[in-house]
Amino acid sequence: MGKLREIWNGKGEGRSPEERSFLKYFIFSTLVFIILVGFVNKNNVVRWVRSSIRIHNQNRQIERYEQEIKAMDHEIKGILSNRDSLEQFARENFRLAAPGDDVYLEEQ
């Protein structure tokens, strides 16, 4: 920060008033440009960061859903491969019963 202050105040050797004036103009216009592009503009840096975080979270959610789909596909293959497992699944999830079975329903 000391070097920037020295440049701004013109304490360096061999600096003419014109050079200091141009340097001040250059620093000021650069700061204004950074503020406009970085924060005021519609496509600013803050929006880019938020968008990248949102994309990252959505990619993680996609991966989680793909894992759930694979697990469900594996479960479906297991159920459909054996008649007994299909019957057990139907009885547990859809409350189906074979003729002559005693059915007990528990209230929750």
C-alpha atoms as a PDB file:
ATOM      1  CA  MET A   1       0.000   0.000   0.000  1.00  0.00           C
ATOM      2  CA  GLY A   2       2.941   2.294   0.639  1.00  0.00           C
ATOM      3  CA  LYS A   3       4.138   2.059  -2.962  1.00  0.00           C
ATOM      4  CA  LEU A   4       0.654   2.928  -4.265  1.00  0.00           C
ATOM      5  CA  ARG A   5       0.448   5.920  -1.915  1.00  0.00           C
ATOM      6  CA  GLU A   6       3.901   7.039  -3.070  1.00  0.00           C
ATOM      7  CA  ILE A   7       2.817   6.823  -6.712  1.00  0.00           C
ATOM      8  CA  TRP A   8      -0.453   8.659  -5.993  1.00  0.00           C
ATOM      9  CA  ASN A   9       1.280  11.504  -4.139  1.00  0.00           C
ATOM     10  CA  GLY A  10       4.057  11.715  -6.737  1.00  0.00           C
ATOM     11  CA  LYS A  11       6.997  11.349  -4.382  1.00  0.00           C
ATOM     12  CA  GLY A  12       8.919   9.222  -6.866  1.00  0.00           C
ATOM     13  CA  GLU A  13      11.943  10.667  -8.608  1.00  0.00           C
ATOM     14  CA  GLY A  14      11.595  12.056 -12.095  1.00  0.00           C
ATOM     15  CA  ARG A  15       7.794  12.266 -12.085  1.00  0.00           C
ATOM     16  CA  SER A  16       6.463  15.309 -13.847  1.00  0.00           C
ATOM     17  CA  PRO A  17       3.040  16.738 -12.968  1.00  0.00           C
ATOM     18  CA  GLU A  18       1.695  15.462 -16.304  1.00  0.00           C
ATOM     19  CA  GLU A  19       2.857  11.913 -15.560  1.00  0.00           C
ATOM     20  CA  ARG A  20       1.286  12.035 -12.076  1.00  0.00           C
ATOM     21  CA  SER A  21      -1.963  13.390 -13.517  1.00  0.00           C
ATOM     22  CA  PHE A  22      -2.092  10.628 -16.145  1.00  0.00           C
ATOM     23  CA  LEU A  23      -1.261   8.018 -13.520  1.00  0.00           C
ATOM     24  CA  LYS A  24      -4.069   9.252 -11.247  1.00  0.00           C
ATOM     25  CA  TYR A  25      -6.490   9.202 -14.194  1.00  0.00           C
ATOM     26  CA  PHE A  26      -5.379   5.689 -15.132  1.00  0.00           C
ATOM     27  CA  ILE A  27      -5.781   4.353 -11.570  1.00  0.00           C
ATOM     28  CA  PHE A  28      -9.183   6.020 -11.143  1.00  0.00           C
ATOM     29  CA  SER A  29     -10.534   4.791 -14.497  1.00  0.00           C
ATOM     30  CA  THR A  30      -9.260   1.269 -13.817  1.00  0.00           C
ATOM     31  CA  LEU A  31     -11.001   1.182 -10.434  1.00  0.00           C
ATOM     32  CA  VAL A  32     -14.239   2.490 -11.972  1.00  0.00           C
ATOM     33  CA  PHE A  33     -14.025  -0.172 -14.689  1.00  0.00           C
ATOM     34  CA  ILE A  34     -13.441  -2.957 -12.138  1.00  0.00           C
ATOM     35  CA  ILE A  35     -16.394  -1.781 -10.051  1.00  0.00           C
ATOM     36  CA  LEU A  36     -18.686  -1.556 -13.090  1.00  0.00           C
ATOM     37  CA  VAL A  37     -17.728  -4.920 -14.520  1.00  0.00           C
ATOM     38  CA  GLY A  38     -17.446  -6.680 -11.203  1.00  0.00           C
ATOM     39  CA  PHE A  39     -20.509  -5.484  -9.343  1.00  0.00           C
ATOM     40  CA  VAL A  40     -22.824  -3.125 -11.248  1.00  0.00           C
ATOM     41  CA  ASN A  41     -23.119  -4.874 -14.608  1.00  0.00           C
ATOM     42  CA  LYS A  42     -25.921  -7.385 -15.258  1.00  0.00           C
ATOM     43  CA  ASN A  43     -23.378 -10.188 -15.756  1.00  0.00           C
ATOM     44  CA  ASN A  44     -21.227  -9.374 -12.760  1.00  0.00           C
ATOM     45  CA  VAL A  45     -18.752 -11.459 -10.795  1.00  0.00           C
ATOM     46  CA  VAL A  46     -21.148 -12.032  -7.904  1.00  0.00           C
ATOM     47  CA  ARG A  47     -23.735 -13.494 -10.268  1.00  0.00           C
ATOM     48  CA  TRP A  48     -21.099 -15.717 -11.877  1.00  0.00           C
ATOM     49  CA  VAL A  49     -20.069 -17.083  -8.496  1.00  0.00           C
ATOM     50  CA  ARG A  50     -23.689 -17.736  -7.482  1.00  0.00           C
ATOM     51  CA  SER A  51     -24.353 -19.464 -10.794  1.00  0.00           C
ATOM     52  CA  SER A  52     -21.293 -21.659 -10.488  1.00  0.00           C
ATOM     53  CA  ILE A  53     -22.314 -22.674  -6.941  1.00  0.00           C
ATOM     54  CA  ARG A  54     -25.830 -23.461  -8.170  1.00  0.00           C
ATOM     55  CA  ILE A  55     -24.446 -25.549 -11.063  1.00  0.00           C
ATOM     56  CA  HIS A  56     -22.153 -27.427  -8.695  1.00  0.00           C
ATOM     57  CA  ASN A  57     -25.071 -28.227  -6.353  1.00  0.00           C
ATOM     58  CA  GLN A  58     -27.234 -29.364  -9.248  1.00  0.00           C
ATOM     59  CA  ASN A  59     -24.470 -31.643 -10.547  1.00  0.00           C
ATOM     60  CA  ARG A  60     -24.194 -33.235  -7.094  1.00  0.00           C
ATOM     61  CA  GLN A  61     -27.975 -33.700  -7.053  1.00  0.00           C
ATOM     62  CA  ILE A  62     -27.854 -35.320 -10.508  1.00  0.00           C
ATOM     63  CA  GLU A  63     -25.179 -37.755  -9.311  1.00  0.00           C
ATOM     64  CA  ARG A  64     -27.257 -38.624  -6.231  1.00  0.00           C
ATOM     65  CA  TYR A  65     -30.348 -39.252  -8.386  1.00  0.00           C
ATOM     66  CA  GLU A  66     -28.338 -41.429 -10.776  1.00  0.00           C
ATOM     67  CA  GLN A  67     -27.170 -43.539  -7.831  1.00  0.00           C
ATOM     68  CA  GLU A  68     -30.764 -43.862  -6.592  1.00  0.00           C
ATOM     69  CA  ILE A  69     -31.904 -44.913 -10.078  1.00  0.00           C
ATOM     70  CA  LYS A  70     -29.181 -47.575 -10.237  1.00  0.00           C
ATOM     71  CA  ALA A  71     -30.216 -48.896  -6.822  1.00  0.00           C
ATOM     72  CA  MET A  72     -33.870 -49.003  -7.883  1.00  0.00           C
ATOM     73  CA  ASP A  73     -33.001 -50.786 -11.148  1.00  0.00           C
ATOM     74  CA  HIS A  74     -31.062 -53.371  -9.151  1.00  0.00           C
ATOM     75  CA  GLU A  75     -34.035 -53.817  -6.800  1.00  0.00           C
ATOM     76  CA  ILE A  76     -36.443 -54.177  -9.757  1.00  0.00           C
ATOM     77  CA  LYS A  77     -34.236 -56.824 -11.367  1.00  0.00           C
ATOM     78  CA  GLY A  78     -34.137 -58.705  -8.067  1.00  0.00           C
ATOM     79  CA  ILE A  79     -37.915 -58.563  -7.666  1.00  0.00           C
ATOM     80  CA  LEU A  80     -38.684 -59.594 -11.238  1.00  0.00           C
ATOM     81  CA  SER A  81     -36.171 -62.436 -11.294  1.00  0.00           C
ATOM     82  CA  ASN A  82     -37.953 -64.525  -8.639  1.00  0.00           C
ATOM     83  CA  ARG A  83     -41.699 -65.155  -8.300  1.00  0.00           C
ATOM     84  CA  ASP A  84     -41.458 -65.436  -4.514  1.00  0.00           C
ATOM     85  CA  SER A  85     -39.772 -62.064  -4.178  1.00  0.00           C
ATOM     86  CA  LEU A  86     -42.386 -60.495  -6.491  1.00  0.00           C
ATOM     87  CA  GLU A  87     -45.183 -61.970  -4.372  1.00  0.00           C
ATOM     88  CA  GLN A  88     -43.533 -60.768  -1.152  1.00  0.00           C
ATOM     89  CA  PHE A  89     -43.102 -57.261  -2.611  1.00  0.00           C
ATOM     90  CA  ALA A  90     -46.766 -57.142  -3.683  1.00  0.00           C
ATOM     91  CA  ARG A  91     -47.966 -58.291  -0.253  1.00  0.00           C
ATOM     92  CA  GLU A  92     -45.800 -55.815   1.673  1.00  0.00           C
ATOM     93  CA  ASN A  93     -46.323 -52.735  -0.472  1.00  0.00           C
ATOM     94  CA  PHE A  94     -49.794 -53.169  -1.938  1.00  0.00           C
ATOM     95  CA  ARG A  95     -51.440 -55.177   0.877  1.00  0.00           C
ATOM     96  CA  LEU A  96     -52.292 -58.030  -1.432  1.00  0.00           C
ATOM     97  CA  ALA A  97     -53.138 -61.384   0.083  1.00  0.00           C
ATOM     98  CA  ALA A  98     -53.495 -64.900  -1.254  1.00  0.00           C
ATOM     99  CA  PRO A  99     -56.878 -66.594  -0.858  1.00  0.00           C
ATOM    100  CA  GLY A 100     -57.211 -68.039   2.635  1.00  0.00           C
ATOM    101  CA  ASP A 101     -54.607 -65.721   4.236  1.00  0.00           C
ATOM    102  CA  ASP A 102     -55.430 -63.963   7.471  1.00  0.00           C
ATOM    103  CA  VAL A 103     -54.841 -60.225   7.116  1.00  0.00           C
ATOM    104  CA  TYR A 104     -54.178 -58.001  10.118  1.00  0.00           C
ATOM    105  CA  LEU A 105     -54.055 -54.238   9.611  1.00  0.00           C
ATOM    106  CA  GLU A 106     -52.341 -52.070  12.188  1.00  0.00           C
ATOM    107  CA  GLU A 107     -53.383 -48.477  12.584  1.00  0.00           C
ATOM    108  CA  GLN A 108     -50.560 -45.997  12.891  1.00  0.00           C
END
